[in-house]
């Protein structure tokens, strides 16, 4: 079933070798490392057959295919136009209302987005999607110190009444414990 869903949706998980102490993932500049650059723990355990097996994996679910899957449904694609509509409303309100009387009711009301969409060097089209990234640790077992770090993508382009709903929050990654990750850039 997992293969079929991956084939139909294009959404797959990527497993990267990870330090057994959760220090860093063996990607980028550490892709060829045989031990953790932080704690010097070996990357692999060697089986009796001599085969090297990674001691731990981190799981990443790429954002691009998930966003593409959102556009496959006409209802979801229409719901993703909220940011574009809201930005137009906000820009109009800021043109016609004194700054002190403007209502900041949405993530898009802030000056960062206003500056972005009014900058002639940057184009933000209706097809662009804005996201927020959130990462936090979770203790999965009672009375154990094994923590897991879970990250999610929140699609800001949905109406705020919708974008925190479970079906609109997308998985980003899972970093196994036992410790807090030390190098999140990997």
N, C-alpha and C. Protein backbone atom coordinates (compact mmCIF):
# COMPACT_ATOMS: atom_id res chain seq x y z
N UNK A 1 0.83 -1.19 0.00
CA UNK A 1 0.00 0.00 0.00
C UNK A 1 0.87 1.26 0.00
N UNK A 2 1.97 1.24 0.79
CA UNK A 2 2.86 2.41 0.84
C UNK A 2 3.46 2.70 -0.53
N UNK A 3 3.84 1.63 -1.24
CA UNK A 3 4.41 1.82 -2.58
C UNK A 3 3.39 2.43 -3.52
N UNK A 4 2.16 1.99 -3.44
CA UNK A 4 1.10 2.51 -4.31
C UNK A 4 0.84 3.99 -4.03
N UNK A 5 0.75 4.35 -2.75
CA UNK A 5 0.53 5.76 -2.38
C UNK A 5 1.70 6.61 -2.87
N UNK A 6 2.93 6.12 -2.69
CA UNK A 6 4.11 6.87 -3.15
C UNK A 6 4.09 7.03 -4.66
N UNK A 7 3.70 5.98 -5.36
CA UNK A 7 3.68 6.04 -6.82
C UNK A 7 2.61 7.01 -7.32
N UNK A 8 1.45 6.99 -6.70
CA UNK A 8 0.35 7.85 -7.13
C UNK A 8 0.61 9.31 -6.76
N UNK A 9 1.05 9.54 -5.53
CA UNK A 9 1.20 10.91 -5.04
C UNK A 9 2.55 11.53 -5.33
N UNK A 10 3.57 10.70 -5.47
CA UNK A 10 4.92 11.22 -5.63
C UNK A 10 5.56 11.59 -4.31
N UNK A 11 4.83 11.39 -3.19
CA UNK A 11 5.34 11.72 -1.86
C UNK A 11 6.03 10.49 -1.29
N UNK A 12 7.30 10.62 -1.00
CA UNK A 12 8.09 9.52 -0.45
C UNK A 12 8.92 10.03 0.72
N UNK A 13 9.36 9.11 1.55
CA UNK A 13 10.26 9.51 2.63
C UNK A 13 11.69 9.21 2.22
N UNK A 14 12.60 9.98 2.75
CA UNK A 14 14.02 9.81 2.48
C UNK A 14 14.69 9.49 3.82
N UNK A 15 15.41 8.38 3.87
CA UNK A 15 16.12 8.01 5.08
C UNK A 15 17.58 8.40 4.94
N UNK A 16 18.08 9.14 5.92
CA UNK A 16 19.48 9.54 5.95
C UNK A 16 20.13 8.93 7.18
N UNK A 17 21.37 8.47 7.04
CA UNK A 17 22.09 7.95 8.18
C UNK A 17 22.24 9.05 9.22
N UNK A 18 22.15 8.66 10.49
CA UNK A 18 22.14 9.62 11.59
C UNK A 18 23.06 9.11 12.69
N UNK A 19 23.73 10.01 13.38
CA UNK A 19 24.55 9.64 14.53
C UNK A 19 23.66 8.95 15.56
N UNK A 20 24.16 7.94 16.21
CA UNK A 20 23.41 7.19 17.22
C UNK A 20 23.04 8.08 18.42
N UNK A 21 23.78 9.17 18.63
CA UNK A 21 23.49 10.11 19.72
C UNK A 21 22.70 11.32 19.25
N UNK A 22 22.21 11.29 18.03
CA UNK A 22 21.40 12.37 17.44
C UNK A 22 22.18 13.65 17.20
N UNK A 23 23.50 13.56 17.13
CA UNK A 23 24.31 14.78 16.94
C UNK A 23 24.10 15.39 15.56
N UNK A 24 24.22 14.58 14.52
CA UNK A 24 24.19 15.11 13.16
C UNK A 24 23.75 14.01 12.19
N UNK A 25 23.28 14.44 11.05
CA UNK A 25 22.98 13.48 9.98
C UNK A 25 24.19 13.40 9.06
N UNK A 26 24.39 12.25 8.47
CA UNK A 26 25.53 12.06 7.57
C UNK A 26 25.11 12.45 6.15
N UNK A 27 24.96 13.75 5.95
CA UNK A 27 24.58 14.32 4.66
C UNK A 27 25.48 15.51 4.38
N UNK A 28 25.40 16.03 3.17
CA UNK A 28 26.19 17.22 2.82
C UNK A 28 27.67 17.00 3.08
N UNK A 29 28.31 17.88 3.85
CA UNK A 29 29.75 17.74 4.09
C UNK A 29 30.11 16.48 4.89
N UNK A 30 29.13 15.85 5.54
CA UNK A 30 29.38 14.65 6.34
C UNK A 30 28.94 13.37 5.63
N UNK A 31 28.59 13.47 4.36
CA UNK A 31 28.05 12.31 3.62
C UNK A 31 29.01 11.13 3.59
N UNK A 32 30.32 11.38 3.55
CA UNK A 32 31.29 10.31 3.47
C UNK A 32 31.94 9.98 4.82
N UNK A 33 31.51 10.66 5.87
CA UNK A 33 32.12 10.44 7.19
C UNK A 33 31.78 9.04 7.71
N UNK A 34 32.72 8.45 8.40
CA UNK A 34 32.49 7.12 8.98
C UNK A 34 32.25 7.20 10.48
N UNK A 35 32.42 8.41 11.02
CA UNK A 35 32.11 8.62 12.44
C UNK A 35 31.53 10.01 12.61
N UNK A 36 30.81 10.21 13.70
CA UNK A 36 30.17 11.49 13.98
C UNK A 36 31.23 12.57 14.22
N UNK A 37 31.12 13.73 13.56
CA UNK A 37 32.11 14.79 13.77
C UNK A 37 31.99 15.45 15.15
N UNK A 38 30.89 15.18 15.87
CA UNK A 38 30.69 15.79 17.19
C UNK A 38 31.15 14.85 18.30
N UNK A 39 30.64 13.61 18.30
CA UNK A 39 30.92 12.69 19.42
C UNK A 39 31.83 11.52 19.04
N UNK A 40 32.21 11.43 17.77
CA UNK A 40 33.11 10.40 17.25
C UNK A 40 32.55 8.97 17.34
N UNK A 41 31.24 8.83 17.54
CA UNK A 41 30.61 7.50 17.49
C UNK A 41 30.66 6.99 16.05
N UNK A 42 30.87 5.69 15.86
CA UNK A 42 30.89 5.16 14.50
C UNK A 42 29.53 5.25 13.82
N UNK A 43 29.58 5.49 12.53
CA UNK A 43 28.35 5.59 11.73
C UNK A 43 27.70 4.23 11.54
N UNK A 44 28.52 3.21 11.36
CA UNK A 44 28.00 1.89 11.03
C UNK A 44 28.27 0.89 12.14
N UNK A 45 27.41 -0.12 12.20
CA UNK A 45 27.76 -1.32 12.96
C UNK A 45 28.08 -2.38 11.90
N UNK A 46 29.05 -3.20 12.20
CA UNK A 46 29.48 -4.20 11.23
C UNK A 46 28.88 -5.55 11.63
N UNK A 47 28.13 -6.13 10.71
CA UNK A 47 27.51 -7.42 10.98
C UNK A 47 28.54 -8.54 10.82
N UNK A 48 28.15 -9.72 11.27
CA UNK A 48 29.06 -10.88 11.18
C UNK A 48 29.49 -11.15 9.74
N UNK A 49 28.62 -10.83 8.80
CA UNK A 49 28.94 -11.05 7.38
C UNK A 49 29.93 -10.01 6.85
N UNK A 50 30.23 -9.00 7.66
CA UNK A 50 31.14 -7.93 7.23
C UNK A 50 30.41 -6.74 6.62
N UNK A 51 29.10 -6.87 6.46
CA UNK A 51 28.30 -5.78 5.88
C UNK A 51 28.15 -4.63 6.88
N UNK A 52 28.33 -3.40 6.39
CA UNK A 52 28.16 -2.22 7.23
C UNK A 52 26.70 -1.78 7.17
N UNK A 53 26.11 -1.59 8.35
CA UNK A 53 24.72 -1.18 8.46
C UNK A 53 24.66 0.11 9.27
N UNK A 54 23.99 1.15 8.77
CA UNK A 54 23.87 2.39 9.55
C UNK A 54 23.23 2.10 10.91
N UNK A 55 23.73 2.75 11.93
CA UNK A 55 23.24 2.52 13.28
C UNK A 55 21.89 3.20 13.53
N UNK A 56 21.61 4.28 12.81
CA UNK A 56 20.36 5.00 13.00
C UNK A 56 20.04 5.83 11.76
N UNK A 57 18.76 6.08 11.55
CA UNK A 57 18.30 6.89 10.42
C UNK A 57 17.44 8.05 10.90
N UNK A 58 17.48 9.14 10.16
CA UNK A 58 16.51 10.22 10.29
C UNK A 58 15.63 10.14 9.05
N UNK A 59 14.37 10.48 9.19
CA UNK A 59 13.42 10.39 8.08
C UNK A 59 12.98 11.79 7.67
N UNK A 60 13.14 12.11 6.39
CA UNK A 60 12.72 13.39 5.83
C UNK A 60 11.65 13.14 4.78
N UNK A 61 10.62 13.95 4.79
CA UNK A 61 9.59 13.87 3.76
C UNK A 61 9.65 15.18 2.98
N UNK A 62 10.21 15.16 1.77
CA UNK A 62 10.41 16.40 1.01
C UNK A 62 9.11 17.19 0.82
N UNK A 63 9.24 18.50 0.91
CA UNK A 63 8.08 19.39 0.82
C UNK A 63 7.52 19.50 -0.59
N UNK A 64 8.37 19.57 -1.59
CA UNK A 64 7.93 19.80 -2.97
C UNK A 64 6.84 18.85 -3.44
N UNK A 65 7.04 17.53 -3.35
CA UNK A 65 5.99 16.61 -3.80
C UNK A 65 4.69 16.74 -3.00
N UNK A 66 4.80 17.09 -1.72
CA UNK A 66 3.59 17.28 -0.92
C UNK A 66 2.79 18.49 -1.40
N UNK A 67 3.51 19.57 -1.74
CA UNK A 67 2.83 20.76 -2.25
C UNK A 67 2.21 20.50 -3.62
N UNK A 68 2.92 19.74 -4.45
CA UNK A 68 2.36 19.38 -5.76
C UNK A 68 1.08 18.57 -5.59
N UNK A 69 1.07 17.67 -4.62
CA UNK A 69 -0.12 16.85 -4.39
C UNK A 69 -1.32 17.71 -3.96
N UNK A 70 -1.07 18.82 -3.27
CA UNK A 70 -2.17 19.70 -2.85
C UNK A 70 -2.87 20.33 -4.04
N UNK A 71 -2.15 20.53 -5.14
CA UNK A 71 -2.74 21.16 -6.33
C UNK A 71 -3.51 20.17 -7.20
N UNK A 72 -3.49 18.90 -6.86
CA UNK A 72 -4.20 17.91 -7.68
C UNK A 72 -5.70 17.95 -7.45
N UNK A 73 -6.12 18.44 -6.31
CA UNK A 73 -7.55 18.54 -6.01
C UNK A 73 -8.01 19.97 -6.31
N UNK A 74 -9.08 20.14 -7.09
CA UNK A 74 -9.56 21.50 -7.37
C UNK A 74 -9.95 22.26 -6.10
N UNK A 75 -10.52 21.56 -5.12
CA UNK A 75 -10.93 22.21 -3.87
C UNK A 75 -9.71 22.71 -3.10
N UNK A 76 -8.67 21.87 -3.01
CA UNK A 76 -7.46 22.26 -2.30
C UNK A 76 -6.75 23.39 -3.03
N UNK A 77 -6.68 23.31 -4.34
CA UNK A 77 -6.03 24.36 -5.13
C UNK A 77 -6.75 25.70 -4.94
N UNK A 78 -8.07 25.66 -4.90
CA UNK A 78 -8.85 26.90 -4.68
C UNK A 78 -8.61 27.45 -3.28
N UNK A 79 -8.54 26.56 -2.29
CA UNK A 79 -8.31 26.99 -0.91
C UNK A 79 -6.94 27.63 -0.74
N UNK A 80 -5.99 27.25 -1.58
CA UNK A 80 -4.63 27.80 -1.49
C UNK A 80 -4.52 29.22 -2.05
N UNK A 81 -5.60 29.79 -2.53
CA UNK A 81 -5.57 31.17 -3.05
C UNK A 81 -5.83 32.20 -1.95
N UNK A 82 -6.01 31.75 -0.72
CA UNK A 82 -6.30 32.65 0.39
C UNK A 82 -5.24 33.74 0.52
N UNK A 83 -3.95 33.37 0.48
CA UNK A 83 -2.89 34.35 0.67
C UNK A 83 -2.96 35.45 -0.38
N UNK A 84 -3.17 35.07 -1.62
CA UNK A 84 -3.22 36.05 -2.70
C UNK A 84 -4.39 37.01 -2.49
N UNK A 85 -5.55 36.46 -2.17
CA UNK A 85 -6.74 37.31 -1.94
C UNK A 85 -6.54 38.21 -0.73
N UNK A 86 -6.03 37.64 0.37
CA UNK A 86 -5.84 38.41 1.60
C UNK A 86 -4.79 39.50 1.41
N UNK A 87 -3.74 39.20 0.68
CA UNK A 87 -2.69 40.20 0.44
C UNK A 87 -3.26 41.40 -0.32
N UNK A 88 -4.09 41.13 -1.31
CA UNK A 88 -4.72 42.23 -2.06
C UNK A 88 -5.59 43.07 -1.14
N UNK A 89 -6.38 42.42 -0.28
CA UNK A 89 -7.23 43.15 0.67
C UNK A 89 -6.38 44.00 1.62
N UNK A 90 -5.32 43.43 2.13
CA UNK A 90 -4.47 44.14 3.10
C UNK A 90 -3.78 45.33 2.45
N UNK A 91 -3.25 45.13 1.24
CA UNK A 91 -2.59 46.24 0.55
C UNK A 91 -3.56 47.39 0.28
N UNK A 92 -4.77 47.04 -0.10
CA UNK A 92 -5.80 48.07 -0.32
C UNK A 92 -6.13 48.79 0.98
N UNK A 93 -6.27 48.03 2.07
CA UNK A 93 -6.58 48.65 3.37
C UNK A 93 -5.46 49.58 3.81
N UNK A 94 -4.21 49.19 3.59
CA UNK A 94 -3.09 50.04 4.00
C UNK A 94 -2.97 51.28 3.12
N UNK A 95 -3.47 51.22 1.89
CA UNK A 95 -3.46 52.40 1.02
C UNK A 95 -4.53 53.40 1.44
N UNK A 96 -5.64 52.91 1.97
CA UNK A 96 -6.79 53.79 2.25
C UNK A 96 -7.00 54.09 3.73
N UNK A 97 -6.28 53.42 4.62
CA UNK A 97 -6.49 53.59 6.06
C UNK A 97 -5.20 54.05 6.71
N UNK A 98 -5.28 54.96 7.67
CA UNK A 98 -4.06 55.34 8.41
C UNK A 98 -3.47 54.11 9.11
N UNK A 99 -2.14 54.04 9.17
CA UNK A 99 -1.46 52.90 9.77
C UNK A 99 -1.94 52.60 11.19
N UNK A 100 -2.24 53.64 11.95
CA UNK A 100 -2.67 53.43 13.34
C UNK A 100 -4.04 52.77 13.43
N UNK A 101 -4.85 52.84 12.37
CA UNK A 101 -6.19 52.26 12.38
C UNK A 101 -6.25 50.88 11.72
N UNK A 102 -5.15 50.42 11.14
CA UNK A 102 -5.15 49.12 10.45
C UNK A 102 -5.22 47.99 11.45
N UNK A 103 -5.93 46.95 11.08
CA UNK A 103 -6.09 45.77 11.93
C UNK A 103 -5.09 44.70 11.48
N UNK A 104 -4.32 44.21 12.43
CA UNK A 104 -3.36 43.14 12.15
C UNK A 104 -4.00 41.83 12.59
N UNK A 105 -4.70 41.19 11.65
CA UNK A 105 -5.49 40.02 11.99
C UNK A 105 -4.94 38.72 11.42
N UNK A 106 -3.85 38.79 10.72
CA UNK A 106 -3.38 37.64 9.97
C UNK A 106 -1.86 37.70 9.83
N UNK A 107 -1.23 36.59 9.57
CA UNK A 107 0.21 36.54 9.35
C UNK A 107 0.62 37.44 8.19
N UNK A 108 -0.28 37.63 7.24
CA UNK A 108 0.03 38.42 6.06
C UNK A 108 -0.16 39.93 6.28
N UNK A 109 -0.62 40.33 7.45
CA UNK A 109 -0.81 41.75 7.75
C UNK A 109 0.50 42.46 8.08
N UNK A 110 1.52 41.73 8.40
CA UNK A 110 2.78 42.31 8.84
C UNK A 110 3.53 43.04 7.75
N UNK A 111 4.47 43.85 8.18
CA UNK A 111 5.23 44.68 7.23
C UNK A 111 6.17 43.84 6.35
N UNK A 112 6.61 42.68 6.84
CA UNK A 112 7.52 41.86 6.02
C UNK A 112 6.87 41.47 4.70
N UNK A 113 5.63 40.97 4.76
CA UNK A 113 4.97 40.58 3.51
C UNK A 113 4.62 41.80 2.66
N UNK A 114 4.18 42.87 3.30
CA UNK A 114 3.88 44.09 2.52
C UNK A 114 5.11 44.56 1.77
N UNK A 115 6.26 44.56 2.43
CA UNK A 115 7.50 44.98 1.78
C UNK A 115 7.88 44.01 0.66
N UNK A 116 7.63 42.74 0.88
CA UNK A 116 7.96 41.74 -0.14
C UNK A 116 7.11 41.92 -1.39
N UNK A 117 5.80 42.06 -1.23
CA UNK A 117 4.94 42.14 -2.41
C UNK A 117 4.99 43.50 -3.10
N UNK A 118 5.48 44.52 -2.41
CA UNK A 118 5.60 45.83 -3.06
C UNK A 118 7.00 46.07 -3.64
N UNK A 119 7.92 45.13 -3.42
CA UNK A 119 9.27 45.24 -3.96
C UNK A 119 9.23 44.87 -5.44
N UNK A 120 9.60 45.78 -6.34
CA UNK A 120 9.52 45.48 -7.77
C UNK A 120 10.51 44.39 -8.23
N UNK A 121 11.54 44.13 -7.43
CA UNK A 121 12.52 43.12 -7.82
C UNK A 121 12.05 41.69 -7.51
N UNK A 122 11.02 41.57 -6.70
CA UNK A 122 10.54 40.25 -6.28
C UNK A 122 9.12 40.07 -6.77
N UNK A 123 8.86 38.93 -7.35
CA UNK A 123 7.49 38.64 -7.77
C UNK A 123 6.97 37.47 -6.94
N UNK A 124 5.82 37.64 -6.36
CA UNK A 124 5.16 36.61 -5.59
C UNK A 124 3.86 36.30 -6.33
N UNK A 125 3.84 35.16 -6.99
CA UNK A 125 2.67 34.85 -7.82
C UNK A 125 1.61 34.10 -7.03
N UNK A 126 0.44 33.98 -7.62
CA UNK A 126 -0.67 33.27 -6.99
C UNK A 126 -0.32 31.79 -6.79
N UNK A 127 0.62 31.27 -7.57
CA UNK A 127 1.00 29.86 -7.46
C UNK A 127 2.08 29.60 -6.41
N UNK A 128 2.70 30.65 -5.87
CA UNK A 128 3.69 30.47 -4.82
C UNK A 128 2.98 30.09 -3.52
N UNK A 129 3.66 29.35 -2.69
CA UNK A 129 3.08 28.91 -1.42
C UNK A 129 4.01 29.32 -0.29
N UNK A 130 3.46 29.90 0.76
CA UNK A 130 4.25 30.25 1.93
C UNK A 130 3.99 29.19 3.01
N UNK A 131 5.06 28.82 3.70
CA UNK A 131 4.96 27.80 4.74
C UNK A 131 5.70 28.26 5.99
N UNK A 132 5.33 27.67 7.11
CA UNK A 132 6.05 27.84 8.36
C UNK A 132 6.59 26.48 8.76
N UNK A 133 7.76 26.48 9.36
CA UNK A 133 8.41 25.24 9.78
C UNK A 133 8.40 25.20 11.30
N UNK A 134 7.98 24.08 11.87
CA UNK A 134 7.94 23.95 13.32
C UNK A 134 8.59 22.64 13.72
N UNK A 135 9.46 22.69 14.73
CA UNK A 135 10.19 21.52 15.20
C UNK A 135 10.10 21.45 16.71
N UNK A 136 9.83 20.26 17.23
CA UNK A 136 9.76 20.11 18.68
C UNK A 136 10.05 18.66 19.05
N UNK A 137 10.50 18.47 20.26
CA UNK A 137 10.79 17.14 20.76
C UNK A 137 9.56 16.54 21.42
N UNK A 138 9.51 15.21 21.40
CA UNK A 138 8.40 14.49 22.03
C UNK A 138 8.97 13.26 22.71
N UNK A 139 8.51 13.01 23.93
CA UNK A 139 8.88 11.79 24.63
C UNK A 139 7.82 10.76 24.29
N UNK A 140 8.21 9.73 23.56
CA UNK A 140 7.25 8.77 23.04
C UNK A 140 6.86 7.69 24.04
N UNK A 141 7.71 7.46 25.02
CA UNK A 141 7.43 6.42 25.99
C UNK A 141 7.45 7.00 27.40
N UNK A 142 6.50 6.59 28.23
CA UNK A 142 6.44 7.07 29.60
C UNK A 142 7.64 6.50 30.37
N UNK A 143 8.23 7.31 31.23
CA UNK A 143 9.35 6.91 32.08
C UNK A 143 10.61 6.54 31.31
N UNK A 144 10.74 6.98 30.09
CA UNK A 144 11.97 6.73 29.33
C UNK A 144 12.53 8.06 28.86
N UNK A 145 13.81 8.10 28.66
CA UNK A 145 14.45 9.34 28.24
C UNK A 145 14.63 9.42 26.74
N UNK A 146 14.05 8.49 26.00
CA UNK A 146 14.19 8.49 24.55
C UNK A 146 13.30 9.58 23.95
N UNK A 147 13.91 10.60 23.43
CA UNK A 147 13.17 11.68 22.78
C UNK A 147 13.22 11.50 21.28
N UNK A 148 12.18 11.96 20.63
CA UNK A 148 12.13 12.01 19.18
C UNK A 148 11.79 13.44 18.80
N UNK A 149 12.44 13.95 17.79
CA UNK A 149 12.18 15.31 17.33
C UNK A 149 11.38 15.23 16.04
N UNK A 150 10.27 15.93 16.02
CA UNK A 150 9.34 15.88 14.90
C UNK A 150 9.18 17.29 14.35
N UNK A 151 9.26 17.40 13.03
CA UNK A 151 9.09 18.71 12.38
C UNK A 151 7.90 18.64 11.42
N UNK A 152 7.22 19.77 11.30
CA UNK A 152 6.06 19.86 10.41
C UNK A 152 6.15 21.13 9.57
N UNK A 153 5.45 21.11 8.45
CA UNK A 153 5.24 22.29 7.62
C UNK A 153 3.80 22.74 7.81
N UNK A 154 3.58 24.01 8.07
CA UNK A 154 2.24 24.58 8.16
C UNK A 154 2.04 25.43 6.92
N UNK A 155 1.02 25.12 6.17
CA UNK A 155 0.75 25.84 4.92
C UNK A 155 0.02 27.14 5.26
N UNK A 156 0.70 28.26 5.13
CA UNK A 156 0.12 29.56 5.48
C UNK A 156 -0.91 30.04 4.47
N UNK A 157 -0.91 29.48 3.28
CA UNK A 157 -1.79 29.97 2.23
C UNK A 157 -3.24 29.55 2.39
N UNK A 158 -3.52 28.71 3.38
CA UNK A 158 -4.91 28.40 3.71
C UNK A 158 -5.43 29.46 4.67
N UNK A 159 -6.73 29.62 4.69
CA UNK A 159 -7.38 30.48 5.66
C UNK A 159 -6.94 30.03 7.06
N UNK A 160 -6.69 30.97 8.00
CA UNK A 160 -6.26 30.58 9.34
C UNK A 160 -7.21 29.59 10.03
N UNK A 161 -8.47 29.60 9.65
CA UNK A 161 -9.41 28.62 10.23
C UNK A 161 -9.09 27.21 9.76
N UNK A 162 -8.33 27.09 8.69
CA UNK A 162 -8.01 25.79 8.11
C UNK A 162 -6.57 25.35 8.28
N UNK A 163 -5.61 26.29 8.32
CA UNK A 163 -4.22 25.86 8.16
C UNK A 163 -3.62 25.12 9.35
N UNK A 164 -4.30 25.09 10.49
CA UNK A 164 -3.81 24.27 11.61
C UNK A 164 -4.58 22.96 11.73
N UNK A 165 -5.48 22.69 10.83
CA UNK A 165 -6.20 21.41 10.82
C UNK A 165 -5.22 20.30 10.44
N UNK A 166 -5.43 19.13 11.02
CA UNK A 166 -4.50 18.01 10.84
C UNK A 166 -4.22 17.71 9.36
N UNK A 167 -5.24 17.75 8.52
CA UNK A 167 -5.01 17.39 7.12
C UNK A 167 -4.22 18.44 6.34
N UNK A 168 -4.05 19.63 6.92
CA UNK A 168 -3.28 20.68 6.24
C UNK A 168 -1.89 20.88 6.83
N UNK A 169 -1.56 20.14 7.87
CA UNK A 169 -0.22 20.19 8.46
C UNK A 169 0.56 19.03 7.87
N UNK A 170 1.68 19.34 7.22
CA UNK A 170 2.44 18.33 6.49
C UNK A 170 3.66 17.88 7.28
N UNK A 171 3.95 16.59 7.25
CA UNK A 171 5.15 16.10 7.95
C UNK A 171 6.41 16.57 7.23
N UNK A 172 7.43 16.89 8.00
CA UNK A 172 8.70 17.34 7.42
C UNK A 172 9.82 16.34 7.72
N UNK A 173 10.00 16.02 9.00
CA UNK A 173 11.06 15.09 9.34
C UNK A 173 10.87 14.51 10.72
N UNK A 174 11.55 13.39 10.96
CA UNK A 174 11.57 12.74 12.26
C UNK A 174 13.03 12.44 12.57
N UNK A 175 13.50 12.97 13.69
CA UNK A 175 14.88 12.74 14.13
C UNK A 175 14.79 11.88 15.39
N UNK A 176 15.31 10.66 15.34
CA UNK A 176 15.23 9.81 16.52
C UNK A 176 16.16 10.29 17.63
N UNK A 177 15.85 9.91 18.86
CA UNK A 177 16.68 10.24 20.02
C UNK A 177 17.89 9.35 20.08
N UNK A 178 18.55 9.32 21.17
CA UNK A 178 18.04 9.61 22.50
C UNK A 178 18.21 11.05 22.93
N UNK A 179 18.97 11.85 22.21
CA UNK A 179 19.30 13.21 22.62
C UNK A 179 18.71 14.24 21.68
N UNK A 180 18.75 15.47 22.14
CA UNK A 180 18.37 16.60 21.30
C UNK A 180 19.38 16.71 20.15
N UNK A 181 18.91 16.96 18.91
CA UNK A 181 19.87 17.11 17.80
C UNK A 181 20.79 18.29 18.03
N UNK A 182 22.06 18.11 17.70
CA UNK A 182 23.04 19.18 17.90
C UNK A 182 23.26 20.01 16.65
N UNK A 183 23.10 19.40 15.47
CA UNK A 183 23.35 20.11 14.22
C UNK A 183 22.12 19.99 13.33
N UNK A 184 21.15 20.88 13.54
CA UNK A 184 19.90 20.83 12.77
C UNK A 184 20.09 21.21 11.31
N UNK A 185 21.18 21.87 10.98
CA UNK A 185 21.42 22.22 9.58
C UNK A 185 21.60 21.00 8.70
N UNK A 186 22.01 19.86 9.30
CA UNK A 186 22.17 18.66 8.51
C UNK A 186 20.83 17.94 8.38
